[in-house]
Protein backbone atom coordinates (compact mmCIF):
# COMPACT_ATOMS: atom_id res chain seq x y z
CA MET A 1 60.09 -142.67 -56.93
CA THR A 2 59.84 -139.71 -54.49
CA PRO A 3 61.81 -136.61 -55.24
CA ASP A 4 64.24 -137.30 -52.30
CA GLU A 5 65.02 -140.80 -53.73
CA PHE A 6 65.75 -139.35 -57.08
CA MET A 7 67.98 -136.50 -55.87
CA ARG A 8 70.00 -138.99 -53.71
CA GLY A 9 70.65 -141.00 -56.92
CA LEU A 10 71.86 -138.06 -59.05
CA GLU A 11 75.53 -138.38 -60.25
CA CYS A 12 75.98 -134.99 -62.06
CA PHE A 13 75.77 -131.64 -60.16
CA PRO A 14 74.49 -129.09 -60.14
CA ALA A 15 71.03 -129.88 -61.44
CA TYR A 16 67.53 -128.81 -61.33
CA VAL A 17 64.88 -131.32 -60.63
CA TYR A 18 61.21 -130.61 -61.30
CA ASP A 19 58.41 -132.72 -59.85
CA LEU A 20 55.88 -132.49 -62.73
CA ASP A 21 53.51 -134.93 -61.06
CA GLY A 22 53.29 -132.91 -57.97
CA LEU A 23 52.92 -129.62 -59.99
CA ARG A 24 49.96 -131.05 -61.82
CA GLU A 25 48.24 -132.17 -58.53
CA HIS A 26 48.95 -128.80 -56.98
CA VAL A 27 47.54 -126.70 -59.87
CA ALA A 28 44.57 -128.94 -60.42
CA SER A 29 43.74 -128.46 -56.58
CA ILE A 30 43.84 -124.86 -57.16
CA ARG A 31 41.80 -124.90 -60.19
CA ASN A 32 39.04 -127.01 -58.27
CA VAL A 33 38.57 -124.38 -55.57
CA LEU A 34 38.52 -121.21 -57.77
CA GLY A 35 35.68 -119.47 -59.46
CA PRO A 36 37.62 -117.01 -61.48
CA GLU A 37 39.61 -117.81 -64.65
CA LEU A 38 43.21 -118.93 -63.91
CA PHE A 39 46.05 -117.88 -66.14
CA TYR A 40 49.67 -118.94 -65.36
CA ALA A 41 52.32 -116.09 -65.35
CA ALA A 42 55.01 -117.70 -67.57
CA LYS A 43 57.57 -115.36 -66.29
CA ALA A 44 57.78 -117.48 -63.04
CA ASN A 45 59.08 -120.41 -64.94
CA PRO A 46 58.81 -120.81 -68.72
CA ASP A 47 60.58 -124.21 -68.94
CA PRO A 48 58.57 -126.18 -71.68
CA ALA A 49 57.87 -129.09 -69.36
CA ILE A 50 56.55 -126.79 -66.80
CA LEU A 51 54.25 -125.19 -69.31
CA ARG A 52 53.02 -128.40 -70.58
CA ALA A 53 52.35 -129.70 -67.10
CA VAL A 54 50.43 -126.73 -66.02
CA ALA A 55 48.45 -126.02 -69.38
CA PRO A 56 45.63 -128.63 -68.80
CA HIS A 57 44.74 -127.20 -65.42
CA VAL A 58 44.62 -123.37 -66.43
CA ASP A 59 42.61 -121.32 -68.58
CA GLY A 60 45.49 -119.64 -70.29
CA ILE A 61 48.98 -118.28 -70.11
CA GLU A 62 50.16 -114.70 -69.45
CA VAL A 63 53.38 -113.55 -71.10
CA ALA A 64 55.32 -110.34 -70.66
CA SER A 65 57.62 -110.03 -73.78
CA GLY A 66 57.84 -110.87 -77.36
CA GLY A 67 60.28 -113.72 -76.53
CA GLU A 68 57.97 -115.25 -73.93
CA LEU A 69 55.19 -114.88 -76.49
CA ALA A 70 56.91 -116.66 -79.39
CA HIS A 71 58.24 -119.45 -76.62
CA VAL A 72 54.81 -120.13 -75.22
CA ARG A 73 53.00 -120.16 -78.50
CA LYS A 74 55.52 -122.58 -79.93
CA THR A 75 55.25 -124.75 -76.77
CA LEU A 76 51.46 -124.55 -76.36
CA PRO A 77 50.13 -123.88 -79.86
CA GLU A 78 46.43 -123.73 -78.72
CA ALA A 79 46.85 -121.98 -75.51
CA ARG A 80 44.70 -118.75 -74.68
CA LEU A 81 47.28 -116.02 -74.24
CA ALA A 82 47.41 -112.50 -72.55
CA PHE A 83 50.24 -110.12 -73.14
CA GLY A 84 51.30 -107.76 -70.36
CA GLY A 85 54.25 -105.80 -69.10
CA PRO A 86 55.53 -102.26 -69.65
CA GLY A 87 57.64 -101.18 -72.59
CA LYS A 88 56.02 -103.22 -75.26
CA THR A 89 57.77 -102.44 -78.65
CA ASP A 90 55.85 -102.06 -82.02
CA GLU A 91 57.25 -105.33 -83.05
CA GLU A 92 56.02 -107.14 -80.02
CA LEU A 93 52.49 -105.68 -80.42
CA ALA A 94 52.35 -106.77 -83.98
CA LEU A 95 53.54 -110.19 -82.97
CA ALA A 96 50.88 -110.38 -80.35
CA LEU A 97 48.26 -109.94 -83.11
CA ASP A 98 49.96 -112.32 -85.52
CA LEU A 99 50.15 -115.16 -82.95
CA GLY A 100 46.43 -114.58 -81.80
CA VAL A 101 46.82 -113.22 -78.33
CA GLU A 102 43.45 -112.94 -76.54
CA ARG A 103 43.93 -109.84 -74.50
CA ILE A 104 46.66 -107.20 -74.50
CA HIS A 105 47.21 -105.38 -71.24
CA VAL A 106 47.87 -101.83 -72.29
CA GLU A 107 50.22 -99.95 -69.84
CA SER A 108 49.97 -96.35 -71.18
CA PRO A 109 48.32 -93.86 -73.58
CA HIS A 110 51.46 -93.86 -75.78
CA GLU A 111 51.35 -97.86 -75.99
CA LEU A 112 47.62 -97.60 -76.85
CA ALA A 113 48.25 -94.99 -79.70
CA ARG A 114 51.09 -97.30 -81.19
CA LEU A 115 48.67 -100.41 -80.92
CA ALA A 116 45.93 -98.34 -82.68
CA ALA A 117 48.37 -97.30 -85.45
CA LEU A 118 48.64 -101.04 -86.48
CA ASN A 119 44.93 -100.70 -87.70
CA ARG A 120 44.20 -104.27 -86.63
CA PRO A 121 41.49 -105.76 -84.36
CA ALA A 122 42.68 -106.01 -80.55
CA GLN A 123 40.95 -106.82 -77.53
CA ILE A 124 42.32 -104.61 -74.53
CA LEU A 125 42.38 -104.55 -70.76
CA LEU A 126 43.79 -101.31 -69.46
CA ARG A 127 46.28 -101.65 -66.66
CA ALA A 128 45.16 -99.59 -63.57
CA ASN A 129 47.73 -98.11 -61.06
CA LEU A 130 45.39 -97.61 -58.12
CA LYS A 131 46.29 -96.16 -54.70
CA LEU A 132 44.77 -98.97 -52.59
CA PRO A 133 46.08 -100.55 -49.37
CA THR A 134 48.73 -103.09 -49.83
CA THR A 135 49.99 -103.46 -46.19
CA GLY A 136 52.34 -106.31 -45.86
CA ALA A 137 53.15 -106.74 -49.51
CA ALA A 138 56.63 -108.04 -50.56
CA LEU A 139 56.50 -105.88 -53.73
CA GLN A 140 54.22 -102.93 -54.65
CA MET A 141 53.69 -102.57 -58.42
CA SER A 142 53.83 -98.77 -58.54
CA GLY A 143 55.86 -96.41 -60.81
CA PRO A 144 55.97 -97.71 -64.37
CA PHE A 145 53.17 -100.15 -64.01
CA GLY A 146 49.87 -99.10 -65.29
CA MET A 147 47.94 -95.83 -65.28
CA ASP A 148 46.02 -93.43 -62.86
CA GLU A 149 42.55 -92.71 -63.48
CA GLN A 150 43.14 -89.66 -65.58
CA ALA A 151 45.25 -91.75 -68.07
CA LEU A 152 42.78 -94.62 -67.99
CA SER A 153 39.80 -92.35 -68.91
CA ALA A 154 41.83 -90.96 -71.78
CA CYS A 155 42.65 -94.47 -72.98
CA ALA A 156 38.91 -95.52 -72.73
CA ARG A 157 37.94 -92.40 -74.88
CA ALA A 158 40.49 -93.15 -77.40
CA ILE A 159 39.34 -96.81 -77.70
CA THR A 160 35.79 -95.59 -78.40
CA ASP A 161 37.01 -93.51 -81.32
CA SER A 162 39.05 -96.51 -82.87
CA PRO A 163 37.18 -98.86 -84.96
CA HIS A 164 39.80 -101.62 -84.52
CA LEU A 165 40.02 -101.63 -80.69
CA THR A 166 37.69 -103.10 -78.13
CA LEU A 167 37.89 -102.31 -74.32
CA ARG A 168 37.32 -105.53 -72.45
CA GLY A 169 38.04 -104.41 -68.89
CA ILE A 170 40.64 -103.56 -66.23
CA HIS A 171 43.77 -105.28 -65.16
CA ALA A 172 45.03 -104.40 -61.57
CA HIS A 173 47.92 -106.32 -60.35
CA LEU A 174 49.06 -104.01 -57.49
CA ALA A 175 51.13 -106.19 -55.18
CA SER A 176 52.96 -109.39 -54.50
CA GLY A 177 53.60 -111.57 -51.43
CA LEU A 178 50.08 -111.07 -49.79
CA ASP A 179 48.18 -113.77 -47.84
CA ALA A 180 44.67 -114.85 -48.63
CA PRO A 181 42.81 -112.34 -46.35
CA ALA A 182 44.87 -109.52 -47.59
CA MET A 183 44.47 -110.59 -51.17
CA LEU A 184 40.58 -110.82 -50.72
CA ASP A 185 40.68 -107.34 -49.02
CA LEU A 186 42.54 -105.96 -52.17
CA ALA A 187 40.30 -107.80 -54.63
CA LYS A 188 37.21 -106.14 -52.93
CA HIS A 189 38.72 -102.72 -53.29
CA ILE A 190 39.77 -103.25 -57.05
CA ILE A 191 36.32 -104.54 -57.78
CA ASP A 192 34.51 -101.76 -55.90
CA TRP A 193 36.52 -99.26 -57.98
CA ALA A 194 36.37 -101.09 -61.32
CA VAL A 195 32.66 -101.75 -61.49
CA PRO A 196 31.47 -98.18 -61.67
CA TRP A 197 34.31 -97.38 -63.88
CA LEU A 198 33.31 -100.00 -66.39
CA GLU A 199 29.82 -98.97 -66.16
CA ARG A 200 30.59 -95.23 -66.83
CA HIS A 201 32.51 -96.33 -69.91
CA ARG A 202 29.84 -98.71 -71.15
CA VAL A 203 32.10 -101.68 -71.40
CA GLU A 204 30.01 -104.88 -72.29
CA ASP A 205 30.76 -108.22 -70.83
CA PRO A 206 33.40 -106.65 -68.50
CA GLU A 207 36.52 -108.41 -67.19
CA ILE A 208 38.49 -107.69 -64.21
CA ASN A 209 41.91 -109.16 -63.91
CA LEU A 210 43.13 -109.12 -60.35
CA GLY A 211 46.64 -110.17 -61.22
CA GLY A 212 48.76 -112.53 -59.09
CA GLY A 213 51.08 -112.10 -56.21
CA MET A 214 49.87 -114.78 -53.86
CA ALA A 215 52.20 -115.26 -50.86
CA VAL A 216 55.16 -117.73 -51.02
CA ASP A 217 56.95 -117.87 -47.78
CA TYR A 218 60.64 -118.83 -48.13
CA HIS A 219 61.13 -118.65 -44.45
CA SER A 220 58.37 -121.16 -43.59
CA PRO A 221 57.85 -123.34 -46.55
CA ALA A 222 54.99 -125.36 -44.95
CA GLN A 223 52.94 -121.97 -44.64
CA ARG A 224 51.14 -121.81 -47.91
CA PHE A 225 48.67 -119.53 -49.49
CA ASP A 226 45.08 -120.56 -48.60
CA TRP A 227 43.62 -121.16 -52.02
CA LYS A 228 40.50 -122.52 -50.57
CA ALA A 229 39.64 -119.55 -48.56
CA TYR A 230 40.56 -117.24 -51.36
CA GLY A 231 38.33 -119.25 -53.77
CA GLU A 232 35.42 -119.09 -51.38
CA GLY A 233 35.75 -115.39 -50.68
CA LEU A 234 36.03 -114.11 -54.21
CA PRO A 235 32.49 -115.13 -55.61
CA ALA A 236 30.77 -112.99 -53.02
CA TYR A 237 32.56 -109.91 -54.44
CA GLY A 238 31.22 -110.81 -57.91
CA GLU A 239 27.45 -110.63 -57.00
CA GLY A 240 25.62 -107.95 -58.68
CA LEU A 241 28.31 -106.84 -61.08
CA PRO A 242 27.20 -105.57 -64.41
CA ALA A 243 25.87 -108.06 -66.92
CA SER A 244 25.12 -110.36 -63.99
CA ALA A 245 28.78 -110.76 -63.15
CA ALA A 246 32.01 -109.37 -64.49
CA LYS A 247 34.38 -112.00 -65.35
CA LEU A 248 37.22 -112.29 -62.88
CA ARG A 249 40.66 -113.66 -63.71
CA ILE A 250 43.87 -114.02 -61.63
CA GLU A 251 47.50 -114.64 -62.97
CA PRO A 252 49.63 -116.21 -60.34
CA GLY A 253 53.09 -117.63 -61.25
CA ARG A 254 55.34 -118.23 -58.17
CA ALA A 255 52.61 -119.67 -56.05
CA LEU A 256 52.01 -122.44 -58.65
CA THR A 257 55.38 -123.60 -59.51
CA ALA A 258 57.77 -122.62 -56.65
CA TYR A 259 57.06 -125.63 -54.55
CA HIS A 260 57.96 -128.20 -57.25
CA GLY A 261 61.55 -127.55 -58.15
CA TRP A 262 64.85 -128.25 -56.39
CA TYR A 263 68.36 -127.10 -57.24
CA VAL A 264 70.70 -129.82 -56.28
CA THR A 265 74.37 -129.70 -55.97
CA ASP A 266 77.43 -131.05 -53.80
CA VAL A 267 79.83 -129.74 -51.44
CA LEU A 268 83.34 -128.94 -52.86
CA ASP A 269 85.13 -127.62 -49.78
CA VAL A 270 84.36 -126.83 -46.07
CA LYS A 271 86.61 -124.33 -44.20
CA THR A 272 86.68 -122.16 -41.32
CA THR A 273 87.81 -118.60 -41.59
CA HIS A 274 88.05 -116.29 -38.61
CA GLY A 275 85.67 -118.57 -36.70
CA GLU A 276 83.11 -118.90 -39.42
CA THR A 277 82.52 -122.10 -41.39
CA TYR A 278 81.69 -122.08 -44.99
CA ALA A 279 80.81 -124.87 -47.26
CA VAL A 280 81.63 -124.00 -50.85
CA LEU A 281 78.99 -125.68 -53.25
CA ARG A 282 79.56 -126.44 -56.96
CA GLY A 283 77.41 -123.83 -58.97
CA GLY A 284 76.27 -120.61 -57.16
CA THR A 285 73.70 -117.90 -57.35
CA GLN A 286 74.19 -117.59 -61.14
CA HIS A 287 71.96 -120.75 -61.23
CA LEU A 288 69.78 -119.75 -58.40
CA ARG A 289 69.57 -116.07 -57.83
CA THR A 290 66.50 -116.26 -55.62
CA PRO A 291 68.10 -116.00 -52.20
CA VAL A 292 70.05 -113.06 -53.19
CA THR A 293 67.20 -111.37 -54.91
CA LYS A 294 64.78 -111.82 -52.03
CA GLY A 295 67.29 -111.69 -49.17
CA HIS A 296 66.54 -114.83 -47.38
CA ASN A 297 68.18 -118.13 -46.63
CA GLN A 298 67.19 -120.63 -49.34
CA PRO A 299 65.37 -123.62 -47.66
CA PHE A 300 67.46 -126.81 -48.05
CA THR A 301 68.03 -130.40 -47.15
CA VAL A 302 71.29 -132.28 -46.96
CA VAL A 303 70.20 -135.43 -48.62
CA SER A 304 73.38 -137.38 -48.15
CA ASN A 305 74.03 -137.00 -44.52
CA ALA A 306 71.70 -137.91 -41.64
CA SER A 307 73.78 -136.86 -38.77
CA GLU A 308 71.69 -135.46 -35.94
CA ASP A 309 74.41 -133.34 -34.52
CA VAL A 310 74.48 -129.89 -36.21
CA ARG A 311 76.76 -126.92 -36.45
CA PRO A 312 76.15 -123.47 -38.06
CA VAL A 313 77.57 -123.09 -41.68
CA THR A 314 77.20 -120.53 -44.41
CA LEU A 315 76.50 -122.15 -47.87
CA VAL A 316 78.09 -120.32 -50.69
CA GLY A 317 78.86 -121.00 -54.32
CA GLN A 318 81.90 -120.68 -56.61
CA LEU A 319 81.56 -117.04 -57.65
CA CYS A 320 84.06 -114.38 -57.01
CA THR A 321 81.81 -112.28 -55.01
CA PRO A 322 80.93 -112.30 -51.27
CA LYS A 323 77.13 -112.09 -52.42
CA ASP A 324 77.16 -115.59 -53.75
CA VAL A 325 75.42 -116.88 -50.72
CA PHE A 326 72.54 -119.53 -50.62
CA ALA A 327 71.98 -119.52 -46.80
CA ARG A 328 73.86 -117.79 -43.96
CA ASP A 329 74.68 -119.34 -40.65
CA VAL A 330 72.34 -122.26 -41.02
CA PRO A 331 72.36 -125.65 -39.13
CA VAL A 332 73.88 -128.50 -41.10
CA PRO A 333 75.11 -131.88 -39.99
CA ALA A 334 78.25 -131.47 -37.91
CA THR A 335 80.05 -134.07 -40.23
CA LEU A 336 79.32 -132.09 -43.44
CA ARG A 337 82.05 -132.92 -45.84
CA PRO A 338 83.06 -132.69 -49.52
CA GLY A 339 80.87 -134.73 -51.64
CA ASP A 340 77.85 -134.28 -49.53
CA VAL A 341 74.67 -133.52 -51.68
CA ILE A 342 72.48 -130.57 -50.84
CA ALA A 343 68.96 -129.95 -52.37
CA PHE A 344 67.65 -126.47 -52.25
CA ALA A 345 63.87 -126.45 -52.23
CA MET A 346 61.33 -123.94 -53.55
CA ALA A 347 63.39 -123.49 -56.63
CA GLY A 348 60.56 -123.83 -59.19
CA ALA A 349 59.93 -120.33 -59.87
CA TYR A 350 62.09 -117.30 -60.38
CA ALA A 351 65.15 -119.33 -60.05
CA TRP A 352 67.01 -120.53 -63.05
CA ASN A 353 65.13 -118.22 -65.48
CA ILE A 354 66.12 -114.98 -63.67
CA SER A 355 69.69 -115.81 -62.82
CA HIS A 356 72.87 -114.46 -64.41
CA HIS A 357 73.96 -117.74 -66.06
CA ASP A 358 77.13 -116.53 -67.83
CA PHE A 359 79.02 -114.92 -64.89
CA LEU A 360 82.38 -116.71 -64.65
CA MET A 361 81.23 -119.10 -67.33
CA HIS A 362 80.82 -122.19 -65.01
CA PRO A 363 78.89 -125.13 -66.62
CA GLU A 364 75.17 -124.88 -66.65
CA PRO A 365 73.05 -127.26 -64.41
CA ALA A 366 71.38 -130.37 -65.80
CA PHE A 367 67.64 -130.64 -65.81
CA HIS A 368 65.54 -133.61 -64.67
CA TYR A 369 61.76 -134.04 -64.51
CA LEU A 370 59.86 -136.45 -62.27
CA ASP A 371 57.06 -137.60 -64.59
CA ARG A 372 55.02 -140.75 -64.51
CA GLY A 373 56.00 -143.16 -67.39
CA PHE A 374 59.33 -141.09 -67.93
CA ILE A 375 61.34 -141.99 -64.87
C-alpha cells in the first residue's frame, strides 16, 4: 500500500503517518555513499518507531537532553550515543555516564569543570564556535553554542590535568540549511582549522564531528540534498590527517526523516471574508508548528479531491490566533469543501515533537506507521 492509498483510507483526523519503509531505504542510501560515521540527531524526531527504523543504518544517535538520553537508551539499548547541547545539568552529565554515552560534546569551560568534578571517566569532544563562512545558511549556530579558540585551549589544558577525562576531538556544527557544495566548503574550513589544533594538543586518534544541517527545501520538496556529491567530496579532505586520517562524523536529523512523514487532516469549514477564502482544518499548528517556525507554506496534497480547476485559499487550523496558518494563498481545488482530506508532506522532522500540543487542549493526533508486515 502506498502512502497516498493509506491516507485516503483514514477515518480519524488529524493523524500523523510515517513511512518507515521509505525511511529505511532513504537512510540506507545515504549510508552507502558516505565515508564518515553517520549519527542521527534524535531531536529531529524521537518517535520510537522512527528511531528503530533508522538505527540499523546509522552508526549511532546524538541526543541533546537528559530526557532524550533516557528515551533513546530505553528504545535502543545497544546504540552508540553522543550527548550534545548547551546547558547540561550535573544530573544530566551523571546520567550520561551512567547510561554509557560514548562521547560528551562539552560546550563551555564551566561545563567541563562540572564534568571533571564527577571524578568518572569521560570521552570528550570540545564544541568549537568558529568564525567561518556560512553564506546561505538558514540558521547560524552562534552565541551560546560552543567556544572560541581561547576557551577551547583552556579546556584542552584542563583535560590534560584531569586523570578521568580524555580529549578525543572537536565538534563543529556551525550552520543549518546548506546545500552539498556549501557543506563541503564549510567542512574543508573546519578540517583545515581542526587538524593543526588537534596536533598542537597532541590528541591521539583524533575525531572531527562536522555536525548536521543539510538543507531541506520546503518550497521545493523535490530539490534534495546531494548526498552522493557530499560523500564523494569529503574523503579528499581526510587525506593526510594525523594518525593517517582523523575520524569524521556527521549528525544530520531533519534531512533523514523530514520526507517520510505526513500530517493528515480534514476540512471543517470553507468561508470567504473580505474577499479572501479560508479553509479551516481540524487540528492546527499546535500539532505541526513547522510552517510557523520557518515561515513557509507547508507542502500539501488534497487527497480526496481531484478537481483540476483551482482557486487561492489560505489553510488554517482551529486555534484562536491569526498565526495558526499552514499555507497562505495556495491553489486548491475550486470545489474544496468540508470533509475533504489534506495531507501535509515533509512532516517527519521538527513537527509534532516541537509543537505546543496543549494550547486550547484540542485532541492529539493519531499516529500510523507504514511498515511491511504491519499494514
